[in-house]
């Protein structure tokens, strides 16, 4: 299996609109071509969603945060 570019613990913010921060909680293994991940919203951990790695890495939809960046950056 190829190494994914997204890892558990990575944080992403939405692009455009209200900047919501999402944290990768786990990778979902299955017969899909693209890895999928379960994310939870920072500050509201009961709000979860599942996205593919390709969606998370699409600069028009999400931006990966580093430990030094914040959603406002």
PDB file of N, CA and C in Angstrom:
ATOM      1  N   UNK A   1       0.852  -1.183   0.000  1.00  0.00           N
ATOM      2  CA  UNK A   1       0.000   0.000   0.000  1.00  0.00           C
ATOM      3  C   UNK A   1       0.894   1.241   0.000  1.00  0.00           C
ATOM      4  N   UNK A   2       0.561   2.216  -0.816  1.00  0.00           N
ATOM      5  CA  UNK A   2       1.340   3.454  -0.898  1.00  0.00           C
ATOM      6  C   UNK A   2       1.127   4.292   0.358  1.00  0.00           C
ATOM      7  N   UNK A   3       2.163   4.999   0.762  1.00  0.00           N
ATOM      8  CA  UNK A   3       2.078   5.863   1.938  1.00  0.00           C
ATOM      9  C   UNK A   3       1.185   7.062   1.612  1.00  0.00           C
ATOM     10  N   UNK A   4       0.282   7.377   2.503  1.00  0.00           N
ATOM     11  CA  UNK A   4      -0.613   8.504   2.291  1.00  0.00           C
ATOM     12  C   UNK A   4       0.080   9.808   2.670  1.00  0.00           C
ATOM     13  N   UNK A   5      -0.429  10.904   2.147  1.00  0.00           N
ATOM     14  CA  UNK A   5       0.104  12.231   2.444  1.00  0.00           C
ATOM     15  C   UNK A   5      -0.610  12.858   3.630  1.00  0.00           C
ATOM     16  N   UNK A   6      -1.646  12.196   4.095  1.00  0.00           N
ATOM     17  CA  UNK A   6      -2.433  12.667   5.235  1.00  0.00           C
ATOM     18  C   UNK A   6      -2.250  11.655   6.358  1.00  0.00           C
ATOM     19  N   UNK A   7      -2.048  12.150   7.569  1.00  0.00           N
ATOM     20  CA  UNK A   7      -1.801  11.279   8.711  1.00  0.00           C
ATOM     21  C   UNK A   7      -2.762  11.611   9.852  1.00  0.00           C
ATOM     22  N   UNK A   8      -3.007  10.639  10.710  1.00  0.00           N
ATOM     23  CA  UNK A   8      -3.815  10.866  11.905  1.00  0.00           C
ATOM     24  C   UNK A   8      -3.168  11.993  12.705  1.00  0.00           C
ATOM     25  N   UNK A   9      -3.979  12.935  13.142  1.00  0.00           N
ATOM     26  CA  UNK A   9      -3.496  14.091  13.902  1.00  0.00           C
ATOM     27  C   UNK A   9      -3.320  15.339  13.056  1.00  0.00           C
ATOM     28  N   UNK A  10      -3.257  15.191  11.721  1.00  0.00           N
ATOM     29  CA  UNK A  10      -3.150  16.364  10.849  1.00  0.00           C
ATOM     30  C   UNK A  10      -4.394  17.223  10.995  1.00  0.00           C
ATOM     31  N   UNK A  11      -4.208  18.529  10.835  1.00  0.00           N
ATOM     32  CA  UNK A  11      -5.321  19.472  10.942  1.00  0.00           C
ATOM     33  C   UNK A  11      -5.498  20.190   9.614  1.00  0.00           C
ATOM     34  N   UNK A  12      -6.762  20.402   9.239  1.00  0.00           N
ATOM     35  CA  UNK A  12      -7.108  21.080   7.995  1.00  0.00           C
ATOM     36  C   UNK A  12      -8.145  22.146   8.293  1.00  0.00           C
ATOM     37  N   UNK A  13      -8.128  23.202   7.480  1.00  0.00           N
ATOM     38  CA  UNK A  13      -9.163  24.224   7.581  1.00  0.00           C
ATOM     39  C   UNK A  13      -9.867  24.327   6.236  1.00  0.00           C
ATOM     40  N   UNK A  14     -11.133  24.667   6.291  1.00  0.00           N
ATOM     41  CA  UNK A  14     -11.891  24.833   5.066  1.00  0.00           C
ATOM     42  C   UNK A  14     -11.424  26.103   4.352  1.00  0.00           C
ATOM     43  N   UNK A  15     -11.549  26.101   3.026  1.00  0.00           N
ATOM     44  CA  UNK A  15     -11.175  27.256   2.216  1.00  0.00           C
ATOM     45  C   UNK A  15     -12.464  27.974   1.833  1.00  0.00           C
ATOM     46  N   UNK A  16     -12.499  29.282   2.040  1.00  0.00           N
ATOM     47  CA  UNK A  16     -13.702  30.046   1.738  1.00  0.00           C
ATOM     48  C   UNK A  16     -14.737  29.872   2.832  1.00  0.00           C
ATOM     49  N   UNK A  17     -15.553  30.861   2.998  1.00  0.00           N
ATOM     50  CA  UNK A  17     -16.579  30.784   4.020  1.00  0.00           C
ATOM     51  C   UNK A  17     -15.996  30.841   5.418  1.00  0.00           C
ATOM     52  N   UNK A  18     -16.714  30.284   6.362  1.00  0.00           N
ATOM     53  CA  UNK A  18     -16.281  30.272   7.760  1.00  0.00           C
ATOM     54  C   UNK A  18     -15.138  29.278   7.926  1.00  0.00           C
ATOM     55  N   UNK A  19     -13.989  29.688   8.468  1.00  0.00           N
ATOM     56  CA  UNK A  19     -12.840  28.789   8.593  1.00  0.00           C
ATOM     57  C   UNK A  19     -13.011  27.761   9.724  1.00  0.00           C
ATOM     58  N   UNK A  20     -13.468  26.581   9.356  1.00  0.00           N
ATOM     59  CA  UNK A  20     -13.656  25.505  10.317  1.00  0.00           C
ATOM     60  C   UNK A  20     -12.407  24.625  10.318  1.00  0.00           C
ATOM     61  N   UNK A  21     -11.931  24.256  11.500  1.00  0.00           N
ATOM     62  CA  UNK A  21     -10.751  23.405  11.607  1.00  0.00           C
ATOM     63  C   UNK A  21     -11.187  21.975  11.897  1.00  0.00           C
ATOM     64  N   UNK A  22     -10.619  21.050  11.121  1.00  0.00           N
ATOM     65  CA  UNK A  22     -10.921  19.624  11.244  1.00  0.00           C
ATOM     66  C   UNK A  22      -9.638  18.868  11.535  1.00  0.00           C
ATOM     67  N   UNK A  23      -9.715  17.863  12.417  1.00  0.00           N
ATOM     68  CA  UNK A  23      -8.571  17.046  12.789  1.00  0.00           C
ATOM     69  C   UNK A  23      -8.797  15.612  12.321  1.00  0.00           C
ATOM     70  N   UNK A  24      -7.771  15.020  11.707  1.00  0.00           N
ATOM     71  CA  UNK A  24      -7.856  13.629  11.262  1.00  0.00           C
ATOM     72  C   UNK A  24      -7.834  12.731  12.495  1.00  0.00           C
ATOM     73  N   UNK A  25      -8.880  11.931  12.666  1.00  0.00           N
ATOM     74  CA  UNK A  25      -8.987  11.027  13.808  1.00  0.00           C
ATOM     75  C   UNK A  25      -8.540   9.609  13.468  1.00  0.00           C
ATOM     76  N   UNK A  26      -8.865   9.158  12.258  1.00  0.00           N
ATOM     77  CA  UNK A  26      -8.458   7.807  11.870  1.00  0.00           C
ATOM     78  C   UNK A  26      -8.548   7.626  10.370  1.00  0.00           C
ATOM     79  N   UNK A  27      -7.762   6.677   9.876  1.00  0.00           N
ATOM     80  CA  UNK A  27      -7.829   6.302   8.468  1.00  0.00           C
ATOM     81  C   UNK A  27      -8.817   5.161   8.341  1.00  0.00           C
ATOM     82  N   UNK A  28      -9.624   5.215   7.305  1.00  0.00           N
ATOM     83  CA  UNK A  28     -10.615   4.175   7.073  1.00  0.00           C
ATOM     84  C   UNK A  28     -10.096   3.286   5.949  1.00  0.00           C
ATOM     85  N   UNK A  29      -9.885   2.033   6.283  1.00  0.00           N
ATOM     86  CA  UNK A  29      -9.378   1.078   5.308  1.00  0.00           C
ATOM     87  C   UNK A  29     -10.545   0.400   4.619  1.00  0.00           C
ATOM     88  N   UNK A  30     -10.419   0.274   3.327  1.00  0.00           N
ATOM     89  CA  UNK A  30     -11.463  -0.393   2.578  1.00  0.00           C
ATOM     90  C   UNK A  30     -10.999  -0.621   1.156  1.00  0.00           C
ATOM     91  N   UNK A  31     -11.878  -1.110   0.331  1.00  0.00           N
ATOM     92  CA  UNK A  31     -11.500  -1.440  -1.047  1.00  0.00           C
ATOM     93  C   UNK A  31     -11.472  -0.225  -1.984  1.00  0.00           C
ATOM     94  N   UNK A  32     -11.274   0.951  -1.428  1.00  0.00           N
ATOM     95  CA  UNK A  32     -11.253   2.152  -2.254  1.00  0.00           C
ATOM     96  C   UNK A  32      -9.865   2.385  -2.825  1.00  0.00           C
ATOM     97  N   UNK A  33      -9.798   3.078  -3.921  1.00  0.00           N
ATOM     98  CA  UNK A  33      -8.526   3.419  -4.550  1.00  0.00           C
ATOM     99  C   UNK A  33      -7.841   4.522  -3.750  1.00  0.00           C
ATOM    100  N   UNK A  34      -8.594   5.502  -3.328  1.00  0.00           N
ATOM    101  CA  UNK A  34      -8.063   6.631  -2.568  1.00  0.00           C
ATOM    102  C   UNK A  34      -8.312   6.415  -1.083  1.00  0.00           C
ATOM    103  N   UNK A  35      -7.297   6.646  -0.238  1.00  0.00           N
ATOM    104  CA  UNK A  35      -7.521   6.523   1.211  1.00  0.00           C
ATOM    105  C   UNK A  35      -8.598   7.507   1.682  1.00  0.00           C
ATOM    106  N   UNK A  36      -9.355   7.107   2.689  1.00  0.00           N
ATOM    107  CA  UNK A  36     -10.376   7.952   3.296  1.00  0.00           C
ATOM    108  C   UNK A  36     -10.045   8.130   4.772  1.00  0.00           C
ATOM    109  N   UNK A  37     -10.525   9.256   5.326  1.00  0.00           N
ATOM    110  CA  UNK A  37     -10.216   9.599   6.706  1.00  0.00           C
ATOM    111  C   UNK A  37     -11.454  10.117   7.410  1.00  0.00           C
ATOM    112  N   UNK A  38     -11.540   9.801   8.707  1.00  0.00           N
ATOM    113  CA  UNK A  38     -12.604  10.359   9.542  1.00  0.00           C
ATOM    114  C   UNK A  38     -12.018  11.565  10.252  1.00  0.00           C
ATOM    115  N   UNK A  39     -12.731  12.682  10.182  1.00  0.00           N
ATOM    116  CA  UNK A  39     -12.301  13.931  10.791  1.00  0.00           C
ATOM    117  C   UNK A  39     -13.302  14.371  11.832  1.00  0.00           C
ATOM    118  N   UNK A  40     -12.821  15.103  12.840  1.00  0.00           N
ATOM    119  CA  UNK A  40     -13.726  15.712  13.810  1.00  0.00           C
ATOM    120  C   UNK A  40     -13.438  17.211  13.845  1.00  0.00           C
ATOM    121  N   UNK A  41     -14.487  17.975  14.100  1.00  0.00           N
ATOM    122  CA  UNK A  41     -14.338  19.429  14.144  1.00  0.00           C
ATOM    123  C   UNK A  41     -13.687  19.835  15.457  1.00  0.00           C
ATOM    124  N   UNK A  42     -12.692  20.697  15.357  1.00  0.00           N
ATOM    125  CA  UNK A  42     -12.017  21.198  16.555  1.00  0.00           C
ATOM    126  C   UNK A  42     -13.019  21.994  17.388  1.00  0.00           C
ATOM    127  N   UNK A  43     -13.108  21.677  18.666  1.00  0.00           N
ATOM    128  CA  UNK A  43     -14.034  22.357  19.560  1.00  0.00           C
ATOM    129  C   UNK A  43     -15.407  21.702  19.618  1.00  0.00           C
ATOM    130  N   UNK A  44     -15.715  20.838  18.642  1.00  0.00           N
ATOM    131  CA  UNK A  44     -16.980  20.094  18.617  1.00  0.00           C
ATOM    132  C   UNK A  44     -16.688  18.665  18.161  1.00  0.00           C
ATOM    133  N   UNK A  45     -16.019  17.871  18.997  1.00  0.00           N
ATOM    134  CA  UNK A  45     -15.578  16.540  18.573  1.00  0.00           C
ATOM    135  C   UNK A  45     -16.690  15.569  18.189  1.00  0.00           C
ATOM    136  N   UNK A  46     -17.925  15.875  18.543  1.00  0.00           N
ATOM    137  CA  UNK A  46     -19.017  14.991  18.146  1.00  0.00           C
ATOM    138  C   UNK A  46     -19.424  15.232  16.690  1.00  0.00           C
ATOM    139  N   UNK A  47     -18.960  16.320  16.099  1.00  0.00           N
ATOM    140  CA  UNK A  47     -19.241  16.609  14.695  1.00  0.00           C
ATOM    141  C   UNK A  47     -18.131  15.964  13.855  1.00  0.00           C
ATOM    142  N   UNK A  48     -18.493  14.919  13.127  1.00  0.00           N
ATOM    143  CA  UNK A  48     -17.511  14.167  12.351  1.00  0.00           C
ATOM    144  C   UNK A  48     -17.948  14.060  10.895  1.00  0.00           C
ATOM    145  N   UNK A  49     -16.955  13.811  10.029  1.00  0.00           N
ATOM    146  CA  UNK A  49     -17.245  13.538   8.629  1.00  0.00           C
ATOM    147  C   UNK A  49     -16.124  12.697   8.059  1.00  0.00           C
ATOM    148  N   UNK A  50     -16.403  12.076   6.931  1.00  0.00           N
ATOM    149  CA  UNK A  50     -15.433  11.236   6.247  1.00  0.00           C
ATOM    150  C   UNK A  50     -15.140  11.839   4.880  1.00  0.00           C
ATOM    151  N   UNK A  51     -13.844  11.996   4.582  1.00  0.00           N
ATOM    152  CA  UNK A  51     -13.430  12.561   3.302  1.00  0.00           C
ATOM    153  C   UNK A  51     -12.298  11.736   2.720  1.00  0.00           C
ATOM    154  N   UNK A  52     -12.174  11.795   1.402  1.00  0.00           N
ATOM    155  CA  UNK A  52     -11.058  11.117   0.747  1.00  0.00           C
ATOM    156  C   UNK A  52      -9.811  11.987   0.842  1.00  0.00           C
ATOM    157  N   UNK A  53      -8.662  11.342   0.714  1.00  0.00           N
ATOM    158  CA  UNK A  53      -7.399  12.078   0.742  1.00  0.00           C
ATOM    159  C   UNK A  53      -7.352  13.107  -0.383  1.00  0.00           C
ATOM    160  N   UNK A  54      -7.878  12.764  -1.548  1.00  0.00           N
ATOM    161  CA  UNK A  54      -7.831  13.696  -2.676  1.00  0.00           C
ATOM    162  C   UNK A  54      -8.636  14.964  -2.394  1.00  0.00           C
ATOM    163  N   UNK A  55      -9.742  14.851  -1.684  1.00  0.00           N
ATOM    164  CA  UNK A  55     -10.529  16.041  -1.316  1.00  0.00           C
ATOM    165  C   UNK A  55      -9.749  16.892  -0.313  1.00  0.00           C
ATOM    166  N   UNK A  56      -9.137  16.252   0.680  1.00  0.00           N
ATOM    167  CA  UNK A  56      -8.370  16.995   1.681  1.00  0.00           C
ATOM    168  C   UNK A  56      -7.179  17.726   1.062  1.00  0.00           C
ATOM    169  N   UNK A  57      -6.603  17.156   0.022  1.00  0.00           N
ATOM    170  CA  UNK A  57      -5.431  17.764  -0.611  1.00  0.00           C
ATOM    171  C   UNK A  57      -5.793  18.717  -1.746  1.00  0.00           C
ATOM    172  N   UNK A  58      -7.086  18.894  -2.008  1.00  0.00           N
ATOM    173  CA  UNK A  58      -7.548  19.835  -3.026  1.00  0.00           C
ATOM    174  C   UNK A  58      -7.500  21.247  -2.440  1.00  0.00           C
ATOM    175  N   UNK A  59      -6.589  22.072  -2.943  1.00  0.00           N
ATOM    176  CA  UNK A  59      -6.378  23.423  -2.409  1.00  0.00           C
ATOM    177  C   UNK A  59      -7.602  24.321  -2.554  1.00  0.00           C
ATOM    178  N   UNK A  60      -8.567  23.940  -3.380  1.00  0.00           N
ATOM    179  CA  UNK A  60      -9.792  24.726  -3.518  1.00  0.00           C
ATOM    180  C   UNK A  60     -10.802  24.420  -2.413  1.00  0.00           C
ATOM    181  N   UNK A  61     -10.549  23.346  -1.642  1.00  0.00           N
ATOM    182  CA  UNK A  61     -11.499  22.944  -0.609  1.00  0.00           C
ATOM    183  C   UNK A  61     -10.933  22.984   0.808  1.00  0.00           C
ATOM    184  N   UNK A  62      -9.678  22.538   0.968  1.00  0.00           N
ATOM    185  CA  UNK A  62      -9.063  22.467   2.294  1.00  0.00           C
ATOM    186  C   UNK A  62      -7.612  22.914   2.235  1.00  0.00           C
ATOM    187  N   UNK A  63      -7.132  23.406   3.377  1.00  0.00           N
ATOM    188  CA  UNK A  63      -5.725  23.784   3.512  1.00  0.00           C
ATOM    189  C   UNK A  63      -5.182  23.101   4.755  1.00  0.00           C
ATOM    190  N   UNK A  64      -4.062  22.387   4.591  1.00  0.00           N
ATOM    191  CA  UNK A  64      -3.443  21.690   5.715  1.00  0.00           C
ATOM    192  C   UNK A  64      -2.744  22.696   6.612  1.00  0.00           C
ATOM    193  N   UNK A  65      -2.979  22.574   7.907  1.00  0.00           N
ATOM    194  CA  UNK A  65      -2.352  23.464   8.873  1.00  0.00           C
ATOM    195  C   UNK A  65      -1.107  22.798   9.442  1.00  0.00           C
ATOM    196  N   UNK A  66      -0.083  23.569   9.620  1.00  0.00           N
ATOM    197  CA  UNK A  66       1.105  23.077  10.309  1.00  0.00           C
ATOM    198  C   UNK A  66       0.993  23.506  11.760  1.00  0.00           C
ATOM    199  N   UNK A  67       1.873  23.023  12.589  1.00  0.00           N
ATOM    200  CA  UNK A  67       1.810  23.399  14.013  1.00  0.00           C
ATOM    201  C   UNK A  67       1.975  24.895  14.208  1.00  0.00           C
ATOM    202  N   UNK A  68       2.607  25.579  13.248  1.00  0.00           N
ATOM    203  CA  UNK A  68       2.840  27.018  13.369  1.00  0.00           C
ATOM    204  C   UNK A  68       1.731  27.871  12.758  1.00  0.00           C
ATOM    205  N   UNK A  69       0.797  27.256  12.017  1.00  0.00           N
ATOM    206  CA  UNK A  69      -0.252  28.039  11.376  1.00  0.00           C
ATOM    207  C   UNK A  69      -1.571  27.916  12.122  1.00  0.00           C
ATOM    208  N   UNK A  70      -2.415  28.907  11.911  1.00  0.00           N
ATOM    209  CA  UNK A  70      -3.750  28.900  12.477  1.00  0.00           C
ATOM    210  C   UNK A  70      -4.740  29.086  11.345  1.00  0.00           C
ATOM    211  N   UNK A  71      -6.004  28.963  11.620  1.00  0.00           N
ATOM    212  CA  UNK A  71      -7.027  29.109  10.586  1.00  0.00           C
ATOM    213  C   UNK A  71      -7.024  30.511  10.000  1.00  0.00           C
ATOM    214  N   UNK A  72      -6.633  31.508  10.755  1.00  0.00           N
ATOM    215  CA  UNK A  72      -6.654  32.883  10.271  1.00  0.00           C
ATOM    216  C   UNK A  72      -5.484  33.195   9.349  1.00  0.00           C
ATOM    217  N   UNK A  73      -4.466  32.345   9.330  1.00  0.00           N
ATOM    218  CA  UNK A  73      -3.272  32.610   8.514  1.00  0.00           C
ATOM    219  C   UNK A  73      -3.574  32.523   7.041  1.00  0.00           C
TER     220      UNK A  73
END
